[in-house]
Amino acid sequence: MELVTLIGAITVFILAIFLGFELITKVPATLHTPLMSGANAISGITIVGALIFSNTDFNGGDPGVAAWLAFFALILATINVVGGFAVTNRMLNMIAGKRGGK
């Protein structure tokens, strides 16, 4: 792995930690549960990053460990996004059902 690639990967990792910490600490306790299902869409950032990273590593011919880890991160982040939207949709349907007189 080149030094520039390693420094870029470490920089993205540190920025992701900082962004995640800032987002989680800004959510009040009363809104934590409803917003976290929608906030799983933040995994879209992971999806974009994993797509970019796996594309750059797979283009070189023999994919390395980093490319496979990016592919695995892509799969897990996609599951997280789909599950987050499913939970949000279910919660909204429960709220709409109570307001609709059902």
PDB file of N, CA and C in Angstrom:
ATOM      1  N   MET A   1       0.859  -1.174   0.000  1.00  0.00           N
ATOM      2  CA  MET A   1       0.000   0.000   0.000  1.00  0.00           C
ATOM      3  C   MET A   1       0.902   1.233   0.000  1.00  0.00           C
ATOM      4  N   GLU A   2       0.565   2.152  -0.859  1.00  0.00           N
ATOM      5  CA  GLU A   2       1.356   3.376  -0.930  1.00  0.00           C
ATOM      6  C   GLU A   2       1.101   4.245   0.289  1.00  0.00           C
ATOM      7  N   LEU A   3       2.063   5.076   0.593  1.00  0.00           N
ATOM      8  CA  LEU A   3       1.961   5.953   1.745  1.00  0.00           C
ATOM      9  C   LEU A   3       0.830   6.954   1.578  1.00  0.00           C
ATOM     10  N   VAL A   4       0.649   7.460   0.360  1.00  0.00           N
ATOM     11  CA  VAL A   4      -0.416   8.445   0.106  1.00  0.00           C
ATOM     12  C   VAL A   4      -1.785   7.810   0.314  1.00  0.00           C
ATOM     13  N   THR A   5      -1.953   6.586  -0.142  1.00  0.00           N
ATOM     14  CA  THR A   5      -3.222   5.881   0.034  1.00  0.00           C
ATOM     15  C   THR A   5      -3.484   5.619   1.510  1.00  0.00           C
ATOM     16  N   LEU A   6      -2.447   5.228   2.235  1.00  0.00           N
ATOM     17  CA  LEU A   6      -2.596   4.970   3.667  1.00  0.00           C
ATOM     18  C   LEU A   6      -2.972   6.246   4.422  1.00  0.00           C
ATOM     19  N   ILE A   7      -2.327   7.337   4.110  1.00  0.00           N
ATOM     20  CA  ILE A   7      -2.635   8.606   4.771  1.00  0.00           C
ATOM     21  C   ILE A   7      -4.061   9.044   4.433  1.00  0.00           C
ATOM     22  N   GLY A   8      -4.481   8.862   3.187  1.00  0.00           N
ATOM     23  CA  GLY A   8      -5.858   9.193   2.796  1.00  0.00           C
ATOM     24  C   GLY A   8      -6.882   8.348   3.525  1.00  0.00           C
ATOM     25  N   ALA A   9      -6.601   7.049   3.659  1.00  0.00           N
ATOM     26  CA  ALA A   9      -7.527   6.153   4.357  1.00  0.00           C
ATOM     27  C   ALA A   9      -7.618   6.508   5.844  1.00  0.00           C
ATOM     28  N   ILE A  10      -6.495   6.814   6.458  1.00  0.00           N
ATOM     29  CA  ILE A  10      -6.503   7.198   7.873  1.00  0.00           C
ATOM     30  C   ILE A  10      -7.245   8.517   8.066  1.00  0.00           C
ATOM     31  N   THR A  11      -7.054   9.444   7.141  1.00  0.00           N
ATOM     32  CA  THR A  11      -7.757  10.735   7.223  1.00  0.00           C
ATOM     33  C   THR A  11      -9.270  10.551   7.125  1.00  0.00           C
ATOM     34  N   VAL A  12      -9.719   9.741   6.179  1.00  0.00           N
ATOM     35  CA  VAL A  12     -11.153   9.486   6.039  1.00  0.00           C
ATOM     36  C   VAL A  12     -11.700   8.792   7.285  1.00  0.00           C
ATOM     37  N   PHE A  13     -10.951   7.866   7.838  1.00  0.00           N
ATOM     38  CA  PHE A  13     -11.377   7.156   9.043  1.00  0.00           C
ATOM     39  C   PHE A  13     -11.529   8.113  10.223  1.00  0.00           C
ATOM     40  N   ILE A  14     -10.561   8.991  10.417  1.00  0.00           N
ATOM     41  CA  ILE A  14     -10.623   9.949  11.525  1.00  0.00           C
ATOM     42  C   ILE A  14     -11.773  10.934  11.319  1.00  0.00           C
ATOM     43  N   LEU A  15     -11.979  11.403  10.100  1.00  0.00           N
ATOM     44  CA  LEU A  15     -13.101  12.310   9.830  1.00  0.00           C
ATOM     45  C   LEU A  15     -14.443  11.623  10.048  1.00  0.00           C
ATOM     46  N   ALA A  16     -14.534  10.337   9.709  1.00  0.00           N
ATOM     47  CA  ALA A  16     -15.777   9.596   9.932  1.00  0.00           C
ATOM     48  C   ALA A  16     -16.064   9.448  11.426  1.00  0.00           C
ATOM     49  N   ILE A  17     -15.035   9.216  12.212  1.00  0.00           N
ATOM     50  CA  ILE A  17     -15.213   9.127  13.667  1.00  0.00           C
ATOM     51  C   ILE A  17     -15.713  10.461  14.211  1.00  0.00           C
ATOM     52  N   PHE A  18     -15.081  11.545  13.787  1.00  0.00           N
ATOM     53  CA  PHE A  18     -15.473  12.877  14.256  1.00  0.00           C
ATOM     54  C   PHE A  18     -16.906  13.208  13.845  1.00  0.00           C
ATOM     55  N   LEU A  19     -17.255  12.935  12.586  1.00  0.00           N
ATOM     56  CA  LEU A  19     -18.605  13.211  12.099  1.00  0.00           C
ATOM     57  C   LEU A  19     -19.640  12.394  12.860  1.00  0.00           C
ATOM     58  N   GLY A  20     -19.376  11.112  13.061  1.00  0.00           N
ATOM     59  CA  GLY A  20     -20.308  10.266  13.795  1.00  0.00           C
ATOM     60  C   GLY A  20     -20.504  10.727  15.232  1.00  0.00           C
ATOM     61  N   PHE A  21     -19.424  11.094  15.894  1.00  0.00           N
ATOM     62  CA  PHE A  21     -19.525  11.571  17.277  1.00  0.00           C
ATOM     63  C   PHE A  21     -20.340  12.863  17.349  1.00  0.00           C
ATOM     64  N   GLU A  22     -20.078  13.787  16.442  1.00  0.00           N
ATOM     65  CA  GLU A  22     -20.803  15.053  16.443  1.00  0.00           C
ATOM     66  C   GLU A  22     -22.296  14.846  16.158  1.00  0.00           C
ATOM     67  N   LEU A  23     -22.622  13.963  15.243  1.00  0.00           N
ATOM     68  CA  LEU A  23     -24.028  13.720  14.923  1.00  0.00           C
ATOM     69  C   LEU A  23     -24.772  13.067  16.083  1.00  0.00           C
ATOM     70  N   ILE A  24     -24.144  12.090  16.712  1.00  0.00           N
ATOM     71  CA  ILE A  24     -24.812  11.374  17.797  1.00  0.00           C
ATOM     72  C   ILE A  24     -25.007  12.276  19.016  1.00  0.00           C
ATOM     73  N   THR A  25     -24.025  13.112  19.336  1.00  0.00           N
ATOM     74  CA  THR A  25     -24.144  13.953  20.521  1.00  0.00           C
ATOM     75  C   THR A  25     -25.132  15.090  20.344  1.00  0.00           C
ATOM     76  N   LYS A  26     -25.488  15.438  19.115  1.00  0.00           N
ATOM     77  CA  LYS A  26     -26.424  16.538  18.875  1.00  0.00           C
ATOM     78  C   LYS A  26     -27.890  16.100  18.972  1.00  0.00           C
ATOM     79  N   VAL A  27     -28.155  14.808  19.044  1.00  0.00           N
ATOM     80  CA  VAL A  27     -29.529  14.304  19.104  1.00  0.00           C
ATOM     81  C   VAL A  27     -29.983  14.281  20.555  1.00  0.00           C
ATOM     82  N   PRO A  28     -31.089  14.986  20.892  1.00  0.00           N
ATOM     83  CA  PRO A  28     -31.599  14.935  22.269  1.00  0.00           C
ATOM     84  C   PRO A  28     -32.109  13.536  22.619  1.00  0.00           C
ATOM     85  N   ALA A  29     -32.111  13.233  23.905  1.00  0.00           N
ATOM     86  CA  ALA A  29     -32.504  11.893  24.352  1.00  0.00           C
ATOM     87  C   ALA A  29     -33.945  11.556  23.972  1.00  0.00           C
ATOM     88  N   THR A  30     -34.834  12.546  23.957  1.00  0.00           N
ATOM     89  CA  THR A  30     -36.239  12.265  23.634  1.00  0.00           C
ATOM     90  C   THR A  30     -36.439  11.928  22.162  1.00  0.00           C
ATOM     91  N   LEU A  31     -35.528  12.359  21.325  1.00  0.00           N
ATOM     92  CA  LEU A  31     -35.658  12.084  19.890  1.00  0.00           C
ATOM     93  C   LEU A  31     -34.732  10.975  19.410  1.00  0.00           C
ATOM     94  N   HIS A  32     -33.981  10.388  20.316  1.00  0.00           N
ATOM     95  CA  HIS A  32     -32.954   9.442  19.894  1.00  0.00           C
ATOM     96  C   HIS A  32     -33.526   8.238  19.155  1.00  0.00           C
ATOM     97  N   THR A  33     -34.525   7.595  19.718  1.00  0.00           N
ATOM     98  CA  THR A  33     -35.060   6.386  19.096  1.00  0.00           C
ATOM     99  C   THR A  33     -35.720   6.657  17.750  1.00  0.00           C
ATOM    100  N   PRO A  34     -36.607   7.657  17.626  1.00  0.00           N
ATOM    101  CA  PRO A  34     -37.210   7.881  16.304  1.00  0.00           C
ATOM    102  C   PRO A  34     -36.210   8.345  15.246  1.00  0.00           C
ATOM    103  N   LEU A  35     -35.255   9.144  15.642  1.00  0.00           N
ATOM    104  CA  LEU A  35     -34.326   9.671  14.645  1.00  0.00           C
ATOM    105  C   LEU A  35     -33.242   8.689  14.248  1.00  0.00           C
ATOM    106  N   MET A  36     -32.914   7.752  15.116  1.00  0.00           N
ATOM    107  CA  MET A  36     -31.832   6.829  14.775  1.00  0.00           C
ATOM    108  C   MET A  36     -32.219   5.900  13.637  1.00  0.00           C
ATOM    109  N   SER A  37     -33.479   5.557  13.512  1.00  0.00           N
ATOM    110  CA  SER A  37     -33.869   4.715  12.383  1.00  0.00           C
ATOM    111  C   SER A  37     -33.708   5.483  11.073  1.00  0.00           C
ATOM    112  N   GLY A  38     -34.032   6.753  11.087  1.00  0.00           N
ATOM    113  CA  GLY A  38     -33.809   7.559   9.889  1.00  0.00           C
ATOM    114  C   GLY A  38     -32.354   7.928   9.699  1.00  0.00           C
ATOM    115  N   ALA A  39     -31.625   8.046  10.798  1.00  0.00           N
ATOM    116  CA  ALA A  39     -30.214   8.414  10.710  1.00  0.00           C
ATOM    117  C   ALA A  39     -29.347   7.283  10.193  1.00  0.00           C
ATOM    118  N   ASN A  40     -29.896   6.084  10.085  1.00  0.00           N
ATOM    119  CA  ASN A  40     -29.132   4.997   9.482  1.00  0.00           C
ATOM    120  C   ASN A  40     -28.805   5.300   8.030  1.00  0.00           C
ATOM    121  N   ALA A  41     -29.503   6.244   7.465  1.00  0.00           N
ATOM    122  CA  ALA A  41     -29.202   6.632   6.090  1.00  0.00           C
ATOM    123  C   ALA A  41     -27.827   7.291   5.994  1.00  0.00           C
ATOM    124  N   ILE A  42     -27.264   7.655   7.132  1.00  0.00           N
ATOM    125  CA  ILE A  42     -25.905   8.175   7.136  1.00  0.00           C
ATOM    126  C   ILE A  42     -24.945   7.107   6.613  1.00  0.00           C
ATOM    127  N   SER A  43     -25.370   5.867   6.657  1.00  0.00           N
ATOM    128  CA  SER A  43     -24.552   4.805   6.082  1.00  0.00           C
ATOM    129  C   SER A  43     -24.386   4.996   4.581  1.00  0.00           C
ATOM    130  N   GLY A  44     -25.175   5.892   4.014  1.00  0.00           N
ATOM    131  CA  GLY A  44     -24.971   6.236   2.607  1.00  0.00           C
ATOM    132  C   GLY A  44     -23.592   6.805   2.371  1.00  0.00           C
ATOM    133  N   ILE A  45     -23.049   7.492   3.366  1.00  0.00           N
ATOM    134  CA  ILE A  45     -21.677   7.993   3.269  1.00  0.00           C
ATOM    135  C   ILE A  45     -20.717   6.815   3.169  1.00  0.00           C
ATOM    136  N   THR A  46     -20.980   5.779   3.953  1.00  0.00           N
ATOM    137  CA  THR A  46     -20.145   4.583   3.898  1.00  0.00           C
ATOM    138  C   THR A  46     -20.280   3.899   2.552  1.00  0.00           C
ATOM    139  N   ILE A  47     -21.485   3.891   2.008  1.00  0.00           N
ATOM    140  CA  ILE A  47     -21.690   3.263   0.702  1.00  0.00           C
ATOM    141  C   ILE A  47     -20.885   3.976  -0.369  1.00  0.00           C
ATOM    142  N   VAL A  48     -20.955   5.296  -0.380  1.00  0.00           N
ATOM    143  CA  VAL A  48     -20.208   6.061  -1.388  1.00  0.00           C
ATOM    144  C   VAL A  48     -18.711   5.844  -1.226  1.00  0.00           C
ATOM    145  N   GLY A  49     -18.230   5.917   0.016  1.00  0.00           N
ATOM    146  CA  GLY A  49     -16.806   5.706   0.255  1.00  0.00           C
ATOM    147  C   GLY A  49     -16.351   4.310  -0.127  1.00  0.00           C
ATOM    148  N   ALA A  50     -17.156   3.299   0.204  1.00  0.00           N
ATOM    149  CA  ALA A  50     -16.793   1.921  -0.139  1.00  0.00           C
ATOM    150  C   ALA A  50     -16.812   1.705  -1.645  1.00  0.00           C
ATOM    151  N   LEU A  51     -17.765   2.325  -2.333  1.00  0.00           N
ATOM    152  CA  LEU A  51     -17.793   2.215  -3.796  1.00  0.00           C
ATOM    153  C   LEU A  51     -16.550   2.829  -4.422  1.00  0.00           C
ATOM    154  N   ILE A  52     -16.190   3.993  -3.959  1.00  0.00           N
ATOM    155  CA  ILE A  52     -15.004   4.661  -4.506  1.00  0.00           C
ATOM    156  C   ILE A  52     -13.746   3.853  -4.198  1.00  0.00           C
ATOM    157  N   PHE A  53     -13.624   3.394  -2.965  1.00  0.00           N
ATOM    158  CA  PHE A  53     -12.422   2.674  -2.560  1.00  0.00           C
ATOM    159  C   PHE A  53     -12.313   1.325  -3.252  1.00  0.00           C
ATOM    160  N   SER A  54     -13.417   0.600  -3.346  1.00  0.00           N
ATOM    161  CA  SER A  54     -13.349  -0.707  -3.999  1.00  0.00           C
ATOM    162  C   SER A  54     -13.099  -0.560  -5.489  1.00  0.00           C
ATOM    163  N   ASN A  55     -13.590   0.508  -6.091  1.00  0.00           N
ATOM    164  CA  ASN A  55     -13.359   0.735  -7.513  1.00  0.00           C
ATOM    165  C   ASN A  55     -11.884   1.011  -7.777  1.00  0.00           C
ATOM    166  N   THR A  56     -11.247   1.806  -6.946  1.00  0.00           N
ATOM    167  CA  THR A  56      -9.836   2.111  -7.174  1.00  0.00           C
ATOM    168  C   THR A  56      -8.961   0.885  -6.945  1.00  0.00           C
ATOM    169  N   ASP A  57      -9.319   0.014  -6.008  1.00  0.00           N
ATOM    170  CA  ASP A  57      -8.494  -1.159  -5.753  1.00  0.00           C
ATOM    171  C   ASP A  57      -8.753  -2.283  -6.744  1.00  0.00           C
ATOM    172  N   PHE A  58      -9.988  -2.465  -7.181  1.00  0.00           N
ATOM    173  CA  PHE A  58     -10.293  -3.545  -8.108  1.00  0.00           C
ATOM    174  C   PHE A  58      -9.798  -3.248  -9.519  1.00  0.00           C
ATOM    175  N   ASN A  59      -9.551  -1.982  -9.853  1.00  0.00           N
ATOM    176  CA  ASN A  59      -9.084  -1.643 -11.190  1.00  0.00           C
ATOM    177  C   ASN A  59      -7.662  -2.117 -11.442  1.00  0.00           C
ATOM    178  N   GLY A  60      -6.893  -2.338 -10.407  1.00  0.00           N
ATOM    179  CA  GLY A  60      -5.497  -2.709 -10.566  1.00  0.00           C
ATOM    180  C   GLY A  60      -5.270  -4.159 -10.951  1.00  0.00           C
ATOM    181  N   GLY A  61      -6.285  -4.951 -11.095  1.00  0.00           N
ATOM    182  CA  GLY A  61      -6.116  -6.355 -11.454  1.00  0.00           C
ATOM    183  C   GLY A  61      -6.424  -7.248 -10.273  1.00  0.00           C
ATOM    184  N   ASP A  62      -5.396  -7.618  -9.519  1.00  0.00           N
ATOM    185  CA  ASP A  62      -5.573  -8.506  -8.370  1.00  0.00           C
ATOM    186  C   ASP A  62      -6.073  -7.692  -7.174  1.00  0.00           C
ATOM    187  N   PRO A  63      -7.328  -7.917  -6.741  1.00  0.00           N
ATOM    188  CA  PRO A  63      -7.844  -7.131  -5.612  1.00  0.00           C
ATOM    189  C   PRO A  63      -7.150  -7.526  -4.303  1.00  0.00           C
ATOM    190  N   GLY A  64      -6.830  -6.528  -3.514  1.00  0.00           N
ATOM    191  CA  GLY A  64      -6.169  -6.782  -2.243  1.00  0.00           C
ATOM    192  C   GLY A  64      -7.181  -6.919  -1.118  1.00  0.00           C
ATOM    193  N   VAL A  65      -6.664  -7.006   0.080  1.00  0.00           N
ATOM    194  CA  VAL A  65      -7.500  -7.146   1.265  1.00  0.00           C
ATOM    195  C   VAL A  65      -8.381  -5.908   1.438  1.00  0.00           C
ATOM    196  N   ALA A  66      -7.828  -4.725   1.148  1.00  0.00           N
ATOM    197  CA  ALA A  66      -8.592  -3.487   1.316  1.00  0.00           C
ATOM    198  C   ALA A  66      -9.805  -3.453   0.393  1.00  0.00           C
ATOM    199  N   ALA A  67      -9.658  -3.975  -0.807  1.00  0.00           N
ATOM    200  CA  ALA A  67     -10.790  -3.991  -1.735  1.00  0.00           C
ATOM    201  C   ALA A  67     -11.893  -4.914  -1.230  1.00  0.00           C
ATOM    202  N   TRP A  68     -11.507  -6.056  -0.675  1.00  0.00           N
ATOM    203  CA  TRP A  68     -12.517  -6.960  -0.135  1.00  0.00           C
ATOM    204  C   TRP A  68     -13.181  -6.388   1.111  1.00  0.00           C
ATOM    205  N   LEU A  69     -12.418  -5.677   1.943  1.00  0.00           N
ATOM    206  CA  LEU A  69     -13.009  -5.023   3.107  1.00  0.00           C
ATOM    207  C   LEU A  69     -13.975  -3.917   2.681  1.00  0.00           C
ATOM    208  N   ALA A  70     -13.624  -3.187   1.627  1.00  0.00           N
ATOM    209  CA  ALA A  70     -14.527  -2.158   1.109  1.00  0.00           C
ATOM    210  C   ALA A  70     -15.806  -2.796   0.578  1.00  0.00           C
ATOM    211  N   PHE A  71     -15.683  -3.920  -0.093  1.00  0.00           N
ATOM    212  CA  PHE A  71     -16.861  -4.623  -0.606  1.00  0.00           C
ATOM    213  C   PHE A  71     -17.743  -5.104   0.541  1.00  0.00           C
ATOM    214  N   PHE A  72     -17.126  -5.632   1.598  1.00  0.00           N
ATOM    215  CA  PHE A  72     -17.864  -6.084   2.779  1.00  0.00           C
ATOM    216  C   PHE A  72     -18.552  -4.900   3.463  1.00  0.00           C
ATOM    217  N   ALA A  73     -17.858  -3.762   3.556  1.00  0.00           N
ATOM    218  CA  ALA A  73     -18.463  -2.549   4.134  1.00  0.00           C
ATOM    219  C   ALA A  73     -19.638  -2.084   3.291  1.00  0.00           C
ATOM    220  N   LEU A  74     -19.529  -2.216   1.989  1.00  0.00           N
ATOM    221  CA  LEU A  74     -20.620  -1.848   1.089  1.00  0.00           C
ATOM    222  C   LEU A  74     -21.859  -2.700   1.348  1.00  0.00           C
ATOM    223  N   ILE A  75     -21.665  -3.984   1.516  1.00  0.00           N
ATOM    224  CA  ILE A  75     -22.798  -4.887   1.783  1.00  0.00           C
ATOM    225  C   ILE A  75     -23.456  -4.543   3.125  1.00  0.00           C
ATOM    226  N   LEU A  76     -22.646  -4.385   4.180  1.00  0.00           N
ATOM    227  CA  LEU A  76     -23.204  -4.093   5.506  1.00  0.00           C
ATOM    228  C   LEU A  76     -23.899  -2.732   5.541  1.00  0.00           C
ATOM    229  N   ALA A  77     -23.317  -1.727   4.901  1.00  0.00           N
ATOM    230  CA  ALA A  77     -23.935  -0.401   4.894  1.00  0.00           C
ATOM    231  C   ALA A  77     -25.248  -0.412   4.114  1.00  0.00           C
ATOM    232  N   THR A  78     -25.303  -1.180   3.043  1.00  0.00           N
ATOM    233  CA  THR A  78     -26.545  -1.277   2.270  1.00  0.00           C
ATOM    234  C   THR A  78     -27.643  -1.930   3.102  1.00  0.00           C
ATOM    235  N   ILE A  79     -27.300  -2.987   3.823  1.00  0.00           N
ATOM    236  CA  ILE A  79     -28.277  -3.626   4.710  1.00  0.00           C
ATOM    237  C   ILE A  79     -28.759  -2.640   5.771  1.00  0.00           C
ATOM    238  N   ASN A  80     -27.840  -1.834   6.312  1.00  0.00           N
ATOM    239  CA  ASN A  80     -28.189  -0.854   7.339  1.00  0.00           C
ATOM    240  C   ASN A  80     -29.126   0.216   6.787  1.00  0.00           C
ATOM    241  N   VAL A  81     -28.866   0.691   5.586  1.00  0.00           N
ATOM    242  CA  VAL A  81     -29.725   1.720   4.984  1.00  0.00           C
ATOM    243  C   VAL A  81     -31.122   1.173   4.720  1.00  0.00           C
ATOM    244  N   VAL A  82     -31.194   0.011   4.114  1.00  0.00           N
ATOM    245  CA  VAL A  82     -32.503  -0.582   3.813  1.00  0.00           C
ATOM    246  C   VAL A  82     -33.271  -0.869   5.103  1.00  0.00           C
ATOM    247  N   GLY A  83     -32.598  -1.406   6.101  1.00  0.00           N
ATOM    248  CA  GLY A  83     -33.256  -1.673   7.379  1.00  0.00           C
ATOM    249  C   GLY A  83     -33.709  -0.402   8.075  1.00  0.00           C
ATOM    250  N   GLY A  84     -32.900   0.651   8.000  1.00  0.00           N
ATOM    251  CA  GLY A  84     -33.280   1.927   8.610  1.00  0.00           C
ATOM    252  C   GLY A  84     -34.527   2.511   7.984  1.00  0.00           C
ATOM    253  N   PHE A  85     -34.596   2.456   6.664  1.00  0.00           N
ATOM    254  CA  PHE A  85     -35.788   2.967   5.999  1.00  0.00           C
ATOM    255  C   PHE A  85     -37.008   2.088   6.271  1.00  0.00           C
ATOM    256  N   ALA A  86     -36.807   0.785   6.394  1.00  0.00           N
ATOM    257  CA  ALA A  86     -37.932  -0.103   6.704  1.00  0.00           C
ATOM    258  C   ALA A  86     -38.484   0.187   8.097  1.00  0.00           C
ATOM    259  N   VAL A  87     -37.587   0.392   9.064  1.00  0.00           N
ATOM    260  CA  VAL A  87     -38.027   0.702  10.431  1.00  0.00           C
ATOM    261  C   VAL A  87     -38.736   2.051  10.468  1.00  0.00           C
ATOM    262  N   THR A  88     -38.175   3.039   9.762  1.00  0.00           N
ATOM    263  CA  THR A  88     -38.812   4.355   9.714  1.00  0.00           C
ATOM    264  C   THR A  88     -40.193   4.272   9.089  1.00  0.00           C
ATOM    265  N   ASN A  89     -40.320   3.528   8.010  1.00  0.00           N
ATOM    266  CA  ASN A  89     -41.621   3.374   7.354  1.00  0.00           C
ATOM    267  C   ASN A  89     -42.622   2.699   8.288  1.00  0.00           C
ATOM    268  N   ARG A  90     -42.181   1.703   9.015  1.00  0.00           N
ATOM    269  CA  ARG A  90     -43.084   1.016   9.944  1.00  0.00           C
ATOM    270  C   ARG A  90     -43.520   1.947  11.071  1.00  0.00           C
ATOM    271  N   MET A  91     -42.596   2.748  11.597  1.00  0.00           N
ATOM    272  CA  MET A  91     -42.948   3.689  12.662  1.00  0.00           C
ATOM    273  C   MET A  91     -43.929   4.739  12.150  1.00  0.00           C
ATOM    274  N   LEU A  92     -43.706   5.239  10.949  1.00  0.00           N
ATOM    275  CA  LEU A  92     -44.622   6.232  10.391  1.00  0.00           C
ATOM    276  C   LEU A  92     -46.007   5.643  10.150  1.00  0.00           C
ATOM    277  N   ASN A  93     -46.064   4.381   9.723  1.00  0.00           N
ATOM    278  CA  ASN A  93     -47.367   3.733   9.532  1.00  0.00           C
ATOM    279  C   ASN A  93     -48.095   3.537  10.855  1.00  0.00           C
ATOM    280  N   MET A  94     -47.356   3.277  11.928  1.00  0.00           N
ATOM    281  CA  MET A  94     -47.979   3.121  13.242  1.00  0.00           C
ATOM    282  C   MET A  94     -48.543   4.452  13.711  1.00  0.00           C
ATOM    283  N   ILE A  95     -47.820   5.541  13.492  1.00  0.00           N
ATOM    284  CA  ILE A  95     -48.287   6.860  13.895  1.00  0.00           C
ATOM    285  C   ILE A  95     -49.496   7.268  13.057  1.00  0.00           C
ATOM    286  N   ALA A  96     -49.434   7.019  11.743  1.00  0.00           N
ATOM    287  CA  ALA A  96     -50.534   7.382  10.853  1.00  0.00           C
ATOM    288  C   ALA A  96     -51.789   6.584  11.191  1.00  0.00           C
ATOM    289  N   GLY A  97     -51.607   5.329  11.615  1.00  0.00           N
ATOM    290  CA  GLY A  97     -52.753   4.497  11.987  1.00  0.00           C
ATOM    291  C   GLY A  97     -53.466   5.030  13.225  1.00  0.00           C
ATOM    292  N   LYS A  98     -52.721   5.554  14.194  1.00  0.00           N
ATOM    293  CA  LYS A  98     -53.323   6.095  15.396  1.00  0.00           C
ATOM    294  C   LYS A  98     -54.055   7.389  15.103  1.00  0.00           C
ATOM    295  N   ARG A  99     -53.511   8.200  14.230  1.00  0.00           N
ATOM    296  CA  ARG A  99     -54.146   9.477  13.910  1.00  0.00           C
ATOM    297  C   ARG A  99     -55.344   9.311  12.990  1.00  0.00           C
ATOM    298  N   GLY A 100     -55.344   8.240  12.198  1.00  0.00           N
ATOM    299  CA  GLY A 100     -56.431   8.017  11.252  1.00  0.00           C
ATOM    300  C   GLY A 100     -57.663   7.410  11.883  1.00  0.00           C
ATOM    301  N   GLY A 101     -57.623   7.101  13.166  1.00  0.00           N
ATOM    302  CA  GLY A 101     -58.774   6.540  13.853  1.00  0.00           C
ATOM    303  C   GLY A 101     -58.878   5.031  13.741  1.00  0.00           C
ATOM    304  N   LYS A 102     -57.802   4.385  13.334  1.00  0.00           N
ATOM    305  CA  LYS A 102     -57.836   2.920  13.192  1.00  0.00           C
ATOM    306  C   LYS A 102     -57.624   2.244  14.512  1.00  0.00           C
TER     307      LYS A 102
END
